[in-house]
């Protein structure tokens, strides 16, 4: 489990409000996919 900064937590709870937030959401999604793939590899 990864801990998020207070700014990221506020963004995740409040939603996208602009282009910068949309970009950050994309970054968090890519990071999630990477961590999910690593976890699946460890379970095998």
N, C-alpha and C. Protein backbone atom coordinates (compact mmCIF):
# COMPACT_ATOMS: atom_id res chain seq x y z
N UNK A 1 0.84 -1.18 0.00
CA UNK A 1 0.00 0.00 0.00
C UNK A 1 0.89 1.23 0.00
N UNK A 2 0.52 2.18 -0.83
CA UNK A 2 1.29 3.41 -0.94
C UNK A 2 0.56 4.53 -0.21
N UNK A 3 1.30 5.34 0.50
CA UNK A 3 0.67 6.51 1.13
C UNK A 3 0.76 7.69 0.18
N UNK A 4 -0.26 8.49 0.17
CA UNK A 4 -0.33 9.64 -0.73
C UNK A 4 -0.11 10.93 0.04
N UNK A 5 0.36 11.93 -0.66
CA UNK A 5 0.55 13.23 -0.03
C UNK A 5 -0.82 13.85 0.26
N UNK A 6 -0.88 14.80 1.18
CA UNK A 6 -2.17 15.45 1.47
C UNK A 6 -2.79 16.09 0.22
N UNK A 7 -1.97 16.61 -0.67
CA UNK A 7 -2.49 17.22 -1.89
C UNK A 7 -3.13 16.17 -2.79
N UNK A 8 -2.50 15.00 -2.90
CA UNK A 8 -3.05 13.92 -3.71
C UNK A 8 -4.35 13.40 -3.09
N UNK A 9 -4.40 13.27 -1.78
CA UNK A 9 -5.60 12.79 -1.11
C UNK A 9 -6.76 13.76 -1.33
N UNK A 10 -6.48 15.05 -1.23
CA UNK A 10 -7.51 16.08 -1.46
C UNK A 10 -8.01 16.01 -2.90
N UNK A 11 -7.09 15.83 -3.82
CA UNK A 11 -7.45 15.72 -5.23
C UNK A 11 -8.30 14.48 -5.50
N UNK A 12 -7.91 13.34 -4.92
CA UNK A 12 -8.65 12.10 -5.14
C UNK A 12 -10.06 12.17 -4.54
N UNK A 13 -10.22 12.86 -3.44
CA UNK A 13 -11.54 12.99 -2.82
C UNK A 13 -12.39 14.05 -3.51
N UNK A 14 -11.76 15.10 -4.04
CA UNK A 14 -12.50 16.22 -4.61
C UNK A 14 -12.76 16.13 -6.10
N UNK A 15 -11.95 15.36 -6.80
CA UNK A 15 -12.14 15.21 -8.24
C UNK A 15 -11.29 16.16 -9.06
N UNK A 16 -11.37 15.96 -10.36
CA UNK A 16 -10.59 16.75 -11.31
C UNK A 16 -11.22 18.13 -11.49
N UNK A 17 -10.39 19.16 -11.40
CA UNK A 17 -10.89 20.52 -11.55
C UNK A 17 -10.23 21.26 -12.72
N UNK A 18 -9.23 20.64 -13.34
CA UNK A 18 -8.55 21.30 -14.45
C UNK A 18 -7.58 20.37 -15.14
N UNK A 19 -6.84 20.93 -16.07
CA UNK A 19 -5.88 20.15 -16.85
C UNK A 19 -4.79 19.56 -15.97
N UNK A 20 -4.30 20.34 -15.03
CA UNK A 20 -3.25 19.86 -14.13
C UNK A 20 -3.73 18.64 -13.33
N UNK A 21 -4.97 18.71 -12.84
CA UNK A 21 -5.52 17.58 -12.08
C UNK A 21 -5.69 16.35 -12.97
N UNK A 22 -6.11 16.55 -14.22
CA UNK A 22 -6.27 15.44 -15.14
C UNK A 22 -4.92 14.78 -15.42
N UNK A 23 -3.89 15.58 -15.57
CA UNK A 23 -2.54 15.05 -15.79
C UNK A 23 -2.09 14.23 -14.59
N UNK A 24 -2.34 14.75 -13.38
CA UNK A 24 -1.94 14.04 -12.16
C UNK A 24 -2.71 12.73 -12.02
N UNK A 25 -4.00 12.74 -12.39
CA UNK A 25 -4.79 11.52 -12.35
C UNK A 25 -4.21 10.46 -13.28
N UNK A 26 -3.75 10.88 -14.46
CA UNK A 26 -3.11 9.96 -15.40
C UNK A 26 -1.84 9.36 -14.82
N UNK A 27 -1.06 10.18 -14.15
CA UNK A 27 0.18 9.71 -13.51
C UNK A 27 -0.13 8.69 -12.42
N UNK A 28 -1.13 8.97 -11.61
CA UNK A 28 -1.52 8.04 -10.54
C UNK A 28 -2.04 6.73 -11.12
N UNK A 29 -2.75 6.79 -12.23
CA UNK A 29 -3.27 5.58 -12.86
C UNK A 29 -2.13 4.70 -13.38
N UNK A 30 -1.15 5.30 -14.03
CA UNK A 30 -0.01 4.54 -14.54
C UNK A 30 0.75 3.90 -13.38
N UNK A 31 0.91 4.64 -12.29
CA UNK A 31 1.60 4.11 -11.11
C UNK A 31 0.81 2.93 -10.52
N UNK A 32 -0.52 3.06 -10.48
CA UNK A 32 -1.38 1.98 -9.98
C UNK A 32 -1.22 0.73 -10.84
N UNK A 33 -1.25 0.88 -12.14
CA UNK A 33 -1.11 -0.26 -13.04
C UNK A 33 0.25 -0.95 -12.86
N UNK A 34 1.30 -0.16 -12.66
CA UNK A 34 2.64 -0.71 -12.46
C UNK A 34 2.70 -1.51 -11.15
N UNK A 35 2.15 -0.94 -10.08
CA UNK A 35 2.15 -1.63 -8.79
C UNK A 35 1.28 -2.88 -8.82
N UNK A 36 0.17 -2.82 -9.53
CA UNK A 36 -0.72 -3.98 -9.67
C UNK A 36 -0.01 -5.12 -10.40
N UNK A 37 0.74 -4.79 -11.44
CA UNK A 37 1.47 -5.80 -12.21
C UNK A 37 2.56 -6.45 -11.33
N UNK A 38 3.26 -5.66 -10.56
CA UNK A 38 4.30 -6.19 -9.66
C UNK A 38 3.68 -7.12 -8.63
N UNK A 39 2.54 -6.73 -8.07
CA UNK A 39 1.87 -7.56 -7.07
C UNK A 39 1.42 -8.89 -7.68
N UNK A 40 0.89 -8.88 -8.89
CA UNK A 40 0.45 -10.10 -9.54
C UNK A 40 1.65 -11.02 -9.81
N UNK A 41 2.79 -10.47 -10.17
CA UNK A 41 3.98 -11.27 -10.43
C UNK A 41 4.48 -11.91 -9.14
N UNK A 42 4.38 -11.23 -8.03
CA UNK A 42 4.83 -11.76 -6.75
C UNK A 42 3.93 -12.89 -6.27
N UNK A 43 2.65 -12.85 -6.62
CA UNK A 43 1.72 -13.89 -6.19
C UNK A 43 1.91 -15.18 -6.96
N UNK A 44 2.52 -15.13 -8.13
CA UNK A 44 2.72 -16.34 -8.94
C UNK A 44 3.94 -17.06 -8.53
